[in-house]
Amino acid sequence: MALTNPQLVLSTVPTVLYGPTKLPVVATFVNAGPTPVRLLDRFEPVPVFFTFDVVRADGTPLPISGGGKIDFGPNEIRYLTLPPGGSHSVQADLAKLLRLPVELGPYSVSATYHNQYGENCFLGGIRSNTILLQVAEPGVKP
C-alpha cells in the first residue's frame, strides 16, 4: 500500500450558528490519488494531531492550544484505509481550544494535521485550505 499524501479539507458545519462558545469545524481527509491511503485511526486529543490557525479580519492571530504527545498501550494503534476517492471526517470545536474569549466578527481558519505515530501509514503533516467563520451573537444569523 502506497504512503501517498491525502488532502485535508476544512469546512464549517452548515446547520450551526457560530457564536463565541460554539465554533465547530470539520476536517476531512480525502484520498485524491490512485492508490489506498492508510491513516492512523486516532484524532484525539485534538491538539496532539491538529494545529489550527485562527486569524481575525484585522490580521491578528488568536492564541490556540496545540501540541503534546500521547502514549499508546499494547494493541491500541489502529488504522483506517481510504480507498481512491474515499474520505474520512473529524469534527473539532475551536471554542474549546482557544485561550481567549472569541469576539464577534469574521475569522479565517486553517488547520494542519500532524502525525508521528504508527507504521506503514501516513506520517508527517498536511495543511488544509482556509475557510471563513462568521462569529455572531448566540442565536443570531450573521
C-alpha atoms as a PDB file:
ATOM      1  CA  MET A   1       0.000   0.000   0.000  1.00  0.00           C
ATOM      2  CA  ALA A   2       1.495   3.340  -1.044  1.00  0.00           C
ATOM      3  CA  LEU A   3       2.059   6.036   1.561  1.00  0.00           C
ATOM      4  CA  THR A   4       0.737   8.849  -0.596  1.00  0.00           C
ATOM      5  CA  ASN A   5      -0.473  12.042   0.980  1.00  0.00           C
ATOM      6  CA  PRO A   6      -4.171  12.559   1.476  1.00  0.00           C
ATOM      7  CA  GLN A   7      -5.650  16.024   1.121  1.00  0.00           C
ATOM      8  CA  LEU A   8      -7.112  17.853   4.130  1.00  0.00           C
ATOM      9  CA  VAL A   9     -10.259  19.884   3.504  1.00  0.00           C
ATOM     10  CA  LEU A  10     -11.533  22.152   6.284  1.00  0.00           C
ATOM     11  CA  SER A  11     -15.202  23.172   6.328  1.00  0.00           C
ATOM     12  CA  THR A  12     -17.887  24.619   8.559  1.00  0.00           C
ATOM     13  CA  VAL A  13     -20.931  22.754   9.823  1.00  0.00           C
ATOM     14  CA  PRO A  14     -23.794  24.134   7.674  1.00  0.00           C
ATOM     15  CA  THR A  15     -26.542  23.809  10.288  1.00  0.00           C
ATOM     16  CA  VAL A  16     -24.629  25.564  13.097  1.00  0.00           C
ATOM     17  CA  LEU A  17     -24.925  29.205  14.124  1.00  0.00           C
ATOM     18  CA  TYR A  18     -21.395  30.149  15.139  1.00  0.00           C
ATOM     19  CA  GLY A  19     -21.136  32.012  18.444  1.00  0.00           C
ATOM     20  CA  PRO A  20     -18.382  32.797  20.951  1.00  0.00           C
ATOM     21  CA  THR A  21     -18.745  29.389  22.631  1.00  0.00           C
ATOM     22  CA  LYS A  22     -19.609  27.235  19.602  1.00  0.00           C
ATOM     23  CA  LEU A  23     -17.060  27.039  16.778  1.00  0.00           C
ATOM     24  CA  PRO A  24     -17.156  23.531  15.278  1.00  0.00           C
ATOM     25  CA  VAL A  25     -15.176  22.792  12.142  1.00  0.00           C
ATOM     26  CA  VAL A  26     -14.869  19.618  10.123  1.00  0.00           C
ATOM     27  CA  ALA A  27     -11.508  18.341   8.865  1.00  0.00           C
ATOM     28  CA  THR A  28     -11.969  15.855   6.025  1.00  0.00           C
ATOM     29  CA  PHE A  29      -9.166  13.654   4.763  1.00  0.00           C
ATOM     30  CA  VAL A  30      -9.628  12.954   1.054  1.00  0.00           C
ATOM     31  CA  ASN A  31      -7.721  10.404  -0.993  1.00  0.00           C
ATOM     32  CA  ALA A  32      -7.477  12.019  -4.422  1.00  0.00           C
ATOM     33  CA  GLY A  33      -4.759   9.581  -5.537  1.00  0.00           C
ATOM     34  CA  PRO A  34      -4.973   6.284  -7.405  1.00  0.00           C
ATOM     35  CA  THR A  35      -3.871   4.060  -4.503  1.00  0.00           C
ATOM     36  CA  PRO A  36      -5.258   3.452  -0.995  1.00  0.00           C
ATOM     37  CA  VAL A  37      -4.019   5.692   1.834  1.00  0.00           C
ATOM     38  CA  ARG A  38      -3.597   4.335   5.353  1.00  0.00           C
ATOM     39  CA  LEU A  39      -4.143   6.732   8.258  1.00  0.00           C
ATOM     40  CA  LEU A  40      -3.785   6.343  11.987  1.00  0.00           C
ATOM     41  CA  ASP A  41      -7.333   5.913  13.335  1.00  0.00           C
ATOM     42  CA  ARG A  42      -6.794   8.316  16.230  1.00  0.00           C
ATOM     43  CA  PHE A  43      -7.501  12.050  16.190  1.00  0.00           C
ATOM     44  CA  GLU A  44      -7.929  12.817  19.911  1.00  0.00           C
ATOM     45  CA  PRO A  45      -6.715  14.717  21.784  1.00  0.00           C
ATOM     46  CA  VAL A  46      -7.207  17.249  19.001  1.00  0.00           C
ATOM     47  CA  PRO A  47      -4.203  19.464  19.962  1.00  0.00           C
ATOM     48  CA  VAL A  48      -1.833  16.497  19.520  1.00  0.00           C
ATOM     49  CA  PHE A  49      -2.925  15.830  15.944  1.00  0.00           C
ATOM     50  CA  PHE A  50      -4.114  19.226  14.671  1.00  0.00           C
ATOM     51  CA  THR A  51      -2.795  22.770  14.753  1.00  0.00           C
ATOM     52  CA  PHE A  52      -5.346  25.457  13.928  1.00  0.00           C
ATOM     53  CA  ASP A  53      -4.575  28.972  12.750  1.00  0.00           C
ATOM     54  CA  VAL A  54      -7.403  31.353  13.674  1.00  0.00           C
ATOM     55  CA  VAL A  55      -6.941  34.945  12.492  1.00  0.00           C
ATOM     56  CA  ARG A  56      -9.172  37.995  12.990  1.00  0.00           C
ATOM     57  CA  ALA A  57     -10.152  40.105   9.983  1.00  0.00           C
ATOM     58  CA  ASP A  58      -7.520  42.694  11.005  1.00  0.00           C
ATOM     59  CA  GLY A  59      -4.777  40.048  10.747  1.00  0.00           C
ATOM     60  CA  THR A  60      -4.385  39.375  14.483  1.00  0.00           C
ATOM     61  CA  PRO A  61      -3.822  35.663  15.185  1.00  0.00           C
ATOM     62  CA  LEU A  62      -5.598  34.157  18.192  1.00  0.00           C
ATOM     63  CA  PRO A  63      -3.593  32.019  20.615  1.00  0.00           C
ATOM     64  CA  ILE A  64      -4.818  28.452  20.436  1.00  0.00           C
ATOM     65  CA  SER A  65      -3.814  25.316  22.325  1.00  0.00           C
ATOM     66  CA  GLY A  66      -1.725  22.847  20.411  1.00  0.00           C
ATOM     67  CA  GLY A  67       0.948  20.225  20.655  1.00  0.00           C
ATOM     68  CA  GLY A  68       1.654  17.424  23.059  1.00  0.00           C
ATOM     69  CA  LYS A  69       2.236  13.712  22.905  1.00  0.00           C
ATOM     70  CA  ILE A  70       0.289  10.611  23.785  1.00  0.00           C
ATOM     71  CA  ASP A  71       1.285   7.123  24.801  1.00  0.00           C
ATOM     72  CA  PHE A  72      -0.316   4.147  23.141  1.00  0.00           C
ATOM     73  CA  GLY A  73      -0.742   0.975  25.116  1.00  0.00           C
ATOM     74  CA  PRO A  74      -0.332  -2.505  23.684  1.00  0.00           C
ATOM     75  CA  ASN A  75      -2.637  -3.127  20.717  1.00  0.00           C
ATOM     76  CA  GLU A  76      -4.045   0.436  20.888  1.00  0.00           C
ATOM     77  CA  ILE A  77      -2.789   1.573  17.492  1.00  0.00           C
ATOM     78  CA  ARG A  78      -5.466   1.137  14.840  1.00  0.00           C
ATOM     79  CA  TYR A  79      -5.614   2.305  11.248  1.00  0.00           C
ATOM     80  CA  LEU A  80      -8.167   3.209   8.642  1.00  0.00           C
ATOM     81  CA  THR A  81      -7.696   2.899   4.910  1.00  0.00           C
ATOM     82  CA  LEU A  82      -9.057   5.428   2.447  1.00  0.00           C
ATOM     83  CA  PRO A  83      -9.644   3.878  -0.957  1.00  0.00           C
ATOM     84  CA  PRO A  84      -9.102   6.064  -4.031  1.00  0.00           C
ATOM     85  CA  GLY A  85     -11.824   8.729  -3.854  1.00  0.00           C
ATOM     86  CA  GLY A  86     -12.553   7.884  -0.215  1.00  0.00           C
ATOM     87  CA  SER A  87     -12.778  10.320   2.677  1.00  0.00           C
ATOM     88  CA  HIS A  88     -12.936  10.428   6.470  1.00  0.00           C
ATOM     89  CA  SER A  89     -14.147  13.389   8.549  1.00  0.00           C
ATOM     90  CA  VAL A  90     -13.245  14.555  12.055  1.00  0.00           C
ATOM     91  CA  GLN A  91     -15.016  17.353  13.934  1.00  0.00           C
ATOM     92  CA  ALA A  92     -13.356  19.747  16.403  1.00  0.00           C
ATOM     93  CA  ASP A  93     -14.739  22.678  18.384  1.00  0.00           C
ATOM     94  CA  LEU A  94     -12.290  25.581  18.206  1.00  0.00           C
ATOM     95  CA  ALA A  95     -14.016  27.321  21.133  1.00  0.00           C
ATOM     96  CA  LYS A  96     -12.619  24.587  23.404  1.00  0.00           C
ATOM     97  CA  LEU A  97      -9.077  25.140  22.103  1.00  0.00           C
ATOM     98  CA  LEU A  98      -8.866  28.928  22.128  1.00  0.00           C
ATOM     99  CA  ARG A  99      -7.107  30.580  25.071  1.00  0.00           C
ATOM    100  CA  LEU A 100      -9.029  33.858  24.741  1.00  0.00           C
ATOM    101  CA  PRO A 101     -12.737  34.650  24.526  1.00  0.00           C
ATOM    102  CA  VAL A 102     -13.857  34.878  20.918  1.00  0.00           C
ATOM    103  CA  GLU A 103     -15.101  38.271  19.813  1.00  0.00           C
ATOM    104  CA  LEU A 104     -17.820  38.755  17.219  1.00  0.00           C
ATOM    105  CA  GLY A 105     -16.755  39.096  13.625  1.00  0.00           C
ATOM    106  CA  PRO A 106     -15.122  37.186  10.794  1.00  0.00           C
ATOM    107  CA  TYR A 107     -12.136  34.880  11.246  1.00  0.00           C
ATOM    108  CA  SER A 108     -10.038  32.979   8.745  1.00  0.00           C
ATOM    109  CA  VAL A 109      -9.240  29.448   9.873  1.00  0.00           C
ATOM    110  CA  SER A 110      -6.909  26.786   8.552  1.00  0.00           C
ATOM    111  CA  ALA A 111      -5.616  23.543  10.000  1.00  0.00           C
ATOM    112  CA  THR A 112      -2.554  21.351   9.817  1.00  0.00           C
ATOM    113  CA  TYR A 113      -2.748  17.645  10.612  1.00  0.00           C
ATOM    114  CA  HIS A 114       0.371  16.187  12.259  1.00  0.00           C
ATOM    115  CA  ASN A 115       1.069  12.501  12.817  1.00  0.00           C
ATOM    116  CA  GLN A 116       4.232  10.871  14.096  1.00  0.00           C
ATOM    117  CA  TYR A 117       2.684   7.601  15.276  1.00  0.00           C
ATOM    118  CA  GLY A 118       2.180   4.202  13.662  1.00  0.00           C
ATOM    119  CA  GLU A 119       3.798   2.134  10.940  1.00  0.00           C
ATOM    120  CA  ASN A 120       3.142   1.847   7.226  1.00  0.00           C
ATOM    121  CA  CYS A 121       0.765   4.794   7.424  1.00  0.00           C
ATOM    122  CA  PHE A 122       0.841   8.479   6.590  1.00  0.00           C
ATOM    123  CA  LEU A 123       3.414  10.261   8.758  1.00  0.00           C
ATOM    124  CA  GLY A 124       4.093  13.975   8.644  1.00  0.00           C
ATOM    125  CA  GLY A 125       1.888  16.998   8.131  1.00  0.00           C
ATOM    126  CA  ILE A 126      -0.872  18.137   5.785  1.00  0.00           C
ATOM    127  CA  ARG A 127      -2.112  21.729   5.548  1.00  0.00           C
ATOM    128  CA  SER A 128      -5.772  22.449   4.819  1.00  0.00           C
ATOM    129  CA  ASN A 129      -7.494  25.143   2.849  1.00  0.00           C
ATOM    130  CA  THR A 130      -8.526  28.354   4.633  1.00  0.00           C
ATOM    131  CA  ILE A 131     -12.178  28.970   5.490  1.00  0.00           C
ATOM    132  CA  LEU A 132     -14.070  31.979   6.806  1.00  0.00           C
ATOM    133  CA  LEU A 133     -16.042  31.746  10.071  1.00  0.00           C
ATOM    134  CA  GLN A 134     -18.517  34.481  10.951  1.00  0.00           C
ATOM    135  CA  VAL A 135     -18.966  34.632  14.730  1.00  0.00           C
ATOM    136  CA  ALA A 136     -22.270  36.243  15.717  1.00  0.00           C
ATOM    137  CA  GLU A 137     -24.320  36.713  18.875  1.00  0.00           C
ATOM    138  CA  PRO A 138     -25.735  33.369  20.032  1.00  0.00           C
ATOM    139  CA  GLY A 139     -28.918  32.584  18.116  1.00  0.00           C
ATOM    140  CA  VAL A 140     -28.461  35.439  15.606  1.00  0.00           C
ATOM    141  CA  LYS A 141     -27.779  34.648  11.956  1.00  0.00           C
ATOM    142  CA  PRO A 142     -24.901  36.718  10.554  1.00  0.00           C
END
